[in-house]
C-alpha atoms as a PDB file:
ATOM      1  CA  MET A   1      21.735   2.622-109.241  1.00  0.00           C
ATOM      2  CA  ARG A   2      20.229   5.168-111.606  1.00  0.00           C
ATOM      3  CA  ILE A   3      21.300   5.708-115.201  1.00  0.00           C
ATOM      4  CA  GLY A   4      23.644   8.605-114.431  1.00  0.00           C
ATOM      5  CA  GLU A   5      25.429   6.594-111.753  1.00  0.00           C
ATOM      6  CA  LEU A   6      25.651   3.588-114.054  1.00  0.00           C
ATOM      7  CA  ALA A   7      27.036   5.646-116.932  1.00  0.00           C
ATOM      8  CA  LYS A   8      29.648   7.246-114.684  1.00  0.00           C
ATOM      9  CA  ALA A   9      30.700   3.891-113.215  1.00  0.00           C
ATOM     10  CA  ALA A  10      31.001   2.442-116.732  1.00  0.00           C
ATOM     11  CA  GLY A  11      32.904   5.480-118.005  1.00  0.00           C
ATOM     12  CA  MET A  12      30.396   6.450-120.676  1.00  0.00           C
ATOM     13  CA  ASP A  13      27.664   8.971-121.420  1.00  0.00           C
ATOM     14  CA  VAL A  14      24.050   8.456-120.400  1.00  0.00           C
ATOM     15  CA  ASP A  15      23.142   8.642-124.100  1.00  0.00           C
ATOM     16  CA  THR A  16      25.477   5.720-124.791  1.00  0.00           C
ATOM     17  CA  VAL A  17      23.757   3.635-122.119  1.00  0.00           C
ATOM     18  CA  ARG A  18      20.385   4.462-123.669  1.00  0.00           C
ATOM     19  CA  PHE A  19      21.747   3.587-127.122  1.00  0.00           C
ATOM     20  CA  TYR A  20      22.870   0.162-125.894  1.00  0.00           C
ATOM     21  CA  GLU A  21      19.433  -0.369-124.367  1.00  0.00           C
ATOM     22  CA  LYS A  22      17.707   0.553-127.637  1.00  0.00           C
ATOM     23  CA  SER A  23      20.134  -1.702-129.531  1.00  0.00           C
ATOM     24  CA  GLY A  24      19.194  -4.631-127.317  1.00  0.00           C
ATOM     25  CA  LEU A  25      22.690  -5.060-125.909  1.00  0.00           C
ATOM     26  CA  LEU A  26      21.617  -3.961-122.452  1.00  0.00           C
ATOM     27  CA  PRO A  27      18.303  -5.310-121.148  1.00  0.00           C
ATOM     28  CA  ALA A  28      15.706  -2.775-120.131  1.00  0.00           C
ATOM     29  CA  PRO A  29      16.053  -2.107-116.421  1.00  0.00           C
ATOM     30  CA  ALA A  30      13.402  -2.185-113.754  1.00  0.00           C
ATOM     31  CA  ARG A  31      11.701   1.127-113.141  1.00  0.00           C
ATOM     32  CA  GLY A  32      10.714   2.569-109.807  1.00  0.00           C
ATOM     33  CA  ASP A  33       7.429   4.259-108.911  1.00  0.00           C
ATOM     34  CA  ASN A  34       8.971   7.531-110.082  1.00  0.00           C
ATOM     35  CA  ASN A  35       9.678   5.896-113.499  1.00  0.00           C
ATOM     36  CA  TYR A  36      13.449   6.169-112.990  1.00  0.00           C
ATOM     37  CA  ARG A  37      15.549   3.318-114.336  1.00  0.00           C
ATOM     38  CA  HIS A  38      17.211   1.200-111.654  1.00  0.00           C
ATOM     39  CA  TYR A  39      20.245  -0.858-112.643  1.00  0.00           C
ATOM     40  CA  ASP A  40      22.076  -3.596-110.799  1.00  0.00           C
ATOM     41  CA  ARG A  41      25.752  -4.629-110.820  1.00  0.00           C
ATOM     42  CA  GLY A  42      25.020  -7.026-113.679  1.00  0.00           C
ATOM     43  CA  ALA A  43      24.180  -4.060-115.908  1.00  0.00           C
ATOM     44  CA  LEU A  44      27.472  -2.425-114.991  1.00  0.00           C
ATOM     45  CA  GLN A  45      29.408  -5.608-115.767  1.00  0.00           C
ATOM     46  CA  ARG A  46      27.597  -5.912-119.087  1.00  0.00           C
ATOM     47  CA  LEU A  47      28.362  -2.290-120.015  1.00  0.00           C
ATOM     48  CA  ARG A  48      32.026  -2.782-119.167  1.00  0.00           C
ATOM     49  CA  PHE A  49      32.049  -5.905-121.339  1.00  0.00           C
ATOM     50  CA  ILE A  50      30.485  -3.942-124.218  1.00  0.00           C
ATOM     51  CA  ALA A  51      32.990  -1.106-123.732  1.00  0.00           C
ATOM     52  CA  ASN A  52      35.889  -3.574-123.865  1.00  0.00           C
ATOM     53  CA  CYS A  53      34.516  -5.047-127.097  1.00  0.00           C
ATOM     54  CA  ARG A  54      34.066  -1.578-128.615  1.00  0.00           C
ATOM     55  CA  ALA A  55      37.659  -0.738-127.630  1.00  0.00           C
ATOM     56  CA  LEU A  56      38.627  -3.714-129.813  1.00  0.00           C
ATOM     57  CA  ASP A  57      36.559  -2.098-132.609  1.00  0.00           C
ATOM     58  CA  MET A  58      33.987  -4.879-132.605  1.00  0.00           C
ATOM     59  CA  SER A  59      30.665  -4.215-134.287  1.00  0.00           C
ATOM     60  CA  LEU A  60      27.369  -4.355-132.421  1.00  0.00           C
ATOM     61  CA  ASP A  61      26.495  -7.585-134.233  1.00  0.00           C
ATOM     62  CA  GLU A  62      29.779  -9.168-133.123  1.00  0.00           C
ATOM     63  CA  ILE A  63      29.105  -8.043-129.568  1.00  0.00           C
ATOM     64  CA  ARG A  64      25.610  -9.571-129.706  1.00  0.00           C
ATOM     65  CA  VAL A  65      27.132 -12.987-130.442  1.00  0.00           C
ATOM     66  CA  LEU A  66      29.541 -12.640-127.529  1.00  0.00           C
ATOM     67  CA  LEU A  67      26.790 -11.478-125.186  1.00  0.00           C
ATOM     68  CA  ALA A  68      24.585 -14.398-126.214  1.00  0.00           C
ATOM     69  CA  HIS A  69      27.358 -16.741-125.127  1.00  0.00           C
ATOM     70  CA  MET A  70      27.845 -14.782-121.921  1.00  0.00           C
ATOM     71  CA  ASP A  71      24.130 -15.225-121.208  1.00  0.00           C
ATOM     72  CA  GLN A  72      24.471 -19.000-121.730  1.00  0.00           C
ATOM     73  CA  PRO A  73      27.913 -19.806-120.306  1.00  0.00           C
ATOM     74  CA  GLY A  74      27.639 -23.572-120.725  1.00  0.00           C
ATOM     75  CA  ALA A  75      27.119 -23.316-124.480  1.00  0.00           C
ATOM     76  CA  ASP A  76      29.722 -24.284-127.064  1.00  0.00           C
ATOM     77  CA  CYS A  77      32.071 -21.366-127.667  1.00  0.00           C
ATOM     78  CA  SER A  78      32.734 -22.063-131.355  1.00  0.00           C
ATOM     79  CA  ALA A  79      30.537 -19.091-132.367  1.00  0.00           C
ATOM     80  CA  VAL A  80      32.613 -16.820-130.112  1.00  0.00           C
ATOM     81  CA  ASP A  81      35.831 -18.147-131.639  1.00  0.00           C
ATOM     82  CA  ALA A  82      34.430 -17.619-135.140  1.00  0.00           C
ATOM     83  CA  VAL A  83      33.523 -13.993-134.365  1.00  0.00           C
ATOM     84  CA  VAL A  84      36.993 -13.252-133.034  1.00  0.00           C
ATOM     85  CA  ALA A  85      38.656 -15.049-135.959  1.00  0.00           C
ATOM     86  CA  GLU A  86      36.599 -13.069-138.479  1.00  0.00           C
ATOM     87  CA  HIS A  87      37.272  -9.812-136.643  1.00  0.00           C
ATOM     88  CA  LEU A  88      40.988 -10.597-136.606  1.00  0.00           C
ATOM     89  CA  GLY A  89      40.791 -11.078-140.382  1.00  0.00           C
ATOM     90  CA  HIS A  90      39.235  -7.612-140.743  1.00  0.00           C
ATOM     91  CA  VAL A  91      41.958  -6.120-138.550  1.00  0.00           C
ATOM     92  CA  ARG A  92      44.668  -7.764-140.660  1.00  0.00           C
ATOM     93  CA  GLU A  93      43.045  -6.395-143.835  1.00  0.00           C
ATOM     94  CA  ARG A  94      43.027  -2.904-142.349  1.00  0.00           C
ATOM     95  CA  ILE A  95      46.663  -3.243-141.268  1.00  0.00           C
ATOM     96  CA  ALA A  96      47.611  -4.255-144.821  1.00  0.00           C
ATOM     97  CA  ALA A  97      45.667  -1.285-146.224  1.00  0.00           C
ATOM     98  CA  LEU A  98      47.390   1.060-143.775  1.00  0.00           C
ATOM     99  CA  GLN A  99      50.799  -0.342-144.719  1.00  0.00           C
ATOM    100  CA  LEU A 100      49.996   0.304-148.390  1.00  0.00           C
ATOM    101  CA  LEU A 101      48.898   3.820-147.495  1.00  0.00           C
ATOM    102  CA  GLU A 102      52.159   4.333-145.593  1.00  0.00           C
ATOM    103  CA  ARG A 103      54.187   3.250-148.659  1.00  0.00           C
ATOM    104  CA  GLN A 104      52.153   5.553-150.907  1.00  0.00           C
ATOM    105  CA  LEU A 105      52.643   8.526-148.595  1.00  0.00           C
ATOM    106  CA  THR A 106      56.374   7.804-148.286  1.00  0.00           C
ATOM    107  CA  LEU A 107      56.679   7.806-152.086  1.00  0.00           C
ATOM    108  CA  LEU A 108      54.612  10.958-152.284  1.00  0.00           C
ATOM    109  CA  GLN A 109      56.782  12.676-149.708  1.00  0.00           C
ATOM    110  CA  SER A 110      59.897  11.740-151.672  1.00  0.00           C
ATOM    111  CA  SER A 111      58.549  13.733-154.627  1.00  0.00           C
ATOM    112  CA  CYS A 112      58.891  16.985-152.688  1.00  0.00           C
ATOM    113  CA  GLN A 113      61.705  19.067-154.145  1.00  0.00           C
ATOM    114  CA  HIS A 114      61.229  22.009-151.764  1.00  0.00           C
ATOM    115  CA  ALA A 115      60.230  24.190-154.685  1.00  0.00           C
ATOM    116  CA  GLY A 116      61.190  27.824-154.617  1.00  0.00           C
ATOM    117  CA  SER A 117      58.826  30.698-155.087  1.00  0.00           C
ATOM    118  CA  GLY A 118      56.623  30.463-158.131  1.00  0.00           C
ATOM    119  CA  GLU A 119      56.957  26.679-158.441  1.00  0.00           C
ATOM    120  CA  LEU A 120      54.453  24.059-157.369  1.00  0.00           C
ATOM    121  CA  CYS A 121      55.508  21.598-154.710  1.00  0.00           C
ATOM    122  CA  GLY A 122      56.398  18.146-156.058  1.00  0.00           C
ATOM    123  CA  ILE A 123      53.818  16.588-153.741  1.00  0.00           C
ATOM    124  CA  VAL A 124      51.067  18.783-155.152  1.00  0.00           C
ATOM    125  CA  LEU A 125      52.188  17.953-158.707  1.00  0.00           C
ATOM    126  CA  ALA A 126      52.279  14.228-157.943  1.00  0.00           C
ATOM    127  CA  LEU A 127      48.799  14.317-156.437  1.00  0.00           C
ATOM    128  CA  GLY A 128      47.526  16.079-159.537  1.00  0.00           C
ATOM    129  CA  GLU A 129      48.960  13.349-161.744  1.00  0.00           C
ATOM    130  CA  ALA A 130      47.887  10.346-159.667  1.00  0.00           C
ATOM    131  CA  ARG A 131      45.381   8.006-161.262  1.00  0.00           C
ATOM    132  CA  PRO A 132      42.451   6.806-159.101  1.00  0.00           C
ATOM    133  CA  ALA A 133      44.000   3.318-158.891  1.00  0.00           C
ATOM    134  CA  ASP A 134      47.137   4.883-157.395  1.00  0.00           C
ATOM    135  CA  ALA A 135      45.211   6.984-154.933  1.00  0.00           C
ATOM    136  CA  PRO A 136      45.063   5.870-151.305  1.00  0.00           C
ATOM    137  CA  PRO A 137      41.784   4.396-150.042  1.00  0.00           C
ATOM    138  CA  ALA A 138      39.226   6.767-148.591  1.00  0.00           C
ATOM    139  CA  ARG A 139      39.782   7.559-144.938  1.00  0.00           C
ATOM    140  CA  GLY A 140      37.704   5.629-142.426  1.00  0.00           C
ATOM    141  CA  VAL A 141      36.334   3.180-144.979  1.00  0.00           C
ATOM    142  CA  HIS A 142      36.691  -0.540-144.476  1.00  0.00           C
ATOM    143  CA  SER A 143      34.715  -3.509-145.610  1.00  0.00           C
ATOM    144  CA  ARG A 144      32.816  -5.280-142.882  1.00  0.00           C
END
């Protein structure tokens, strides 16, 4: 199948398929006389595997480890287990950070006094008084 057909079957953009090729996650396909890429079912299975890993928020480096094991199925799977264990640790850290953020926002919301005209909202006042240590973590930032 050609790249457009592969991308559609995998549920992703053609650019994403090319990105995975450039990243080394998807081997370069055979090319026909017309220089079009020709993919087999193995490429589709590999892309679906990558998509499932990305849905679990795995990094490209984590996926590389899993793909290496997939390419050598008889190998010891301790590296795969270690990747998943480490990723689970990152997820738990993010959950804890989100729970802290939830508590901070709940406290912030409780400072709202539904101020009348001419008065600042209690939330706005509280945000103006918050010290950086009290401030929630930046959005979208996590240590990995």
